[in-house]
Protein backbone atom coordinates (compact mmCIF):
# COMPACT_ATOMS: atom_id res chain seq x y z
CA MET A 1 133.57 76.76 109.39
CA LEU A 2 134.41 76.44 113.07
CA LYS A 3 135.15 79.50 115.16
CA LEU A 4 137.70 78.92 117.91
CA THR A 5 139.04 81.18 120.61
CA LYS A 6 142.82 81.52 120.94
CA THR A 7 142.77 79.16 123.94
CA GLU A 8 140.86 76.50 122.02
CA GLU A 9 143.23 76.82 119.05
CA THR A 10 146.26 76.10 121.20
CA MET A 11 144.56 73.20 122.99
CA GLN A 12 143.91 71.10 119.91
CA GLU A 13 146.06 69.98 117.05
CA LEU A 14 145.26 71.68 113.75
CA LEU A 15 146.15 69.87 110.53
CA SER A 16 146.92 71.31 107.11
CA THR A 17 144.99 70.23 104.03
CA ARG A 18 148.09 68.28 102.95
CA GLU A 19 148.23 66.39 106.25
CA VAL A 20 144.52 65.57 106.05
CA ALA A 21 144.85 64.47 102.42
CA ASP A 22 147.73 62.17 103.35
CA ARG A 23 145.77 60.61 106.22
CA LEU A 24 142.68 60.08 104.05
CA ASN A 25 144.71 58.99 101.02
CA VAL A 26 142.98 61.59 98.80
CA THR A 27 144.11 64.74 96.99
CA ILE A 28 144.30 68.18 98.58
CA GLU A 29 141.52 69.30 96.23
CA THR A 30 139.26 66.55 97.61
CA VAL A 31 139.88 67.84 101.15
CA ARG A 32 139.03 71.37 100.00
CA ARG A 33 135.84 70.04 98.39
CA TYR A 34 134.83 68.32 101.65
CA CYS A 35 135.33 71.68 103.40
CA ARG A 36 133.34 73.65 100.81
CA LYS A 37 130.46 71.17 100.98
CA GLY A 38 130.42 71.34 104.79
CA GLU A 39 131.33 67.67 105.18
CA LEU A 40 134.56 68.56 106.99
CA GLN A 41 134.64 71.48 109.41
CA PHE A 42 137.68 73.74 109.35
CA VAL A 43 139.20 76.83 110.95
CA ARG A 44 140.17 79.80 108.80
CA LEU A 45 143.45 81.33 110.01
CA GLY A 46 143.71 83.97 107.31
CA LYS A 47 142.19 84.93 104.02
CA ARG A 48 143.40 81.73 102.32
CA LEU A 49 144.82 79.57 105.12
CA ILE A 50 142.63 76.84 106.61
CA ARG A 51 143.31 74.12 109.15
CA ILE A 52 141.27 71.10 110.18
CA PRO A 53 141.13 70.17 113.87
CA LEU A 54 142.33 66.62 114.55
CA GLU A 55 139.08 65.90 116.43
CA GLU A 56 137.09 66.94 113.35
CA LEU A 57 139.12 64.61 111.13
CA GLU A 58 138.51 61.75 113.56
CA ARG A 59 134.75 62.53 113.52
CA PHE A 60 134.77 62.62 109.71
CA ILE A 61 136.57 59.27 109.47
CA GLY A 62 134.21 57.69 111.98
CA SER A 63 131.08 58.95 110.24
CA ASN A 64 132.28 57.62 106.88
CA ASN A 65 133.15 54.18 108.25
CA ASN A 66 129.66 53.49 109.61
CA PRO A 67 127.51 51.42 107.23
């Protein structure tokens, strides 16, 4: 899990699990699994609410496209 300061949070776009799932063409549960396994870093905004930084999603996509 990433820890961001308030300034960093406002400087980057944070995506919901639904938005990430749509972009990856997978289910929300798959996105949650990636987060649990540490494959996709996320920011916890509350007890149950998580968001994925856009930069992290781009890193994840890039690392999975390399042979």
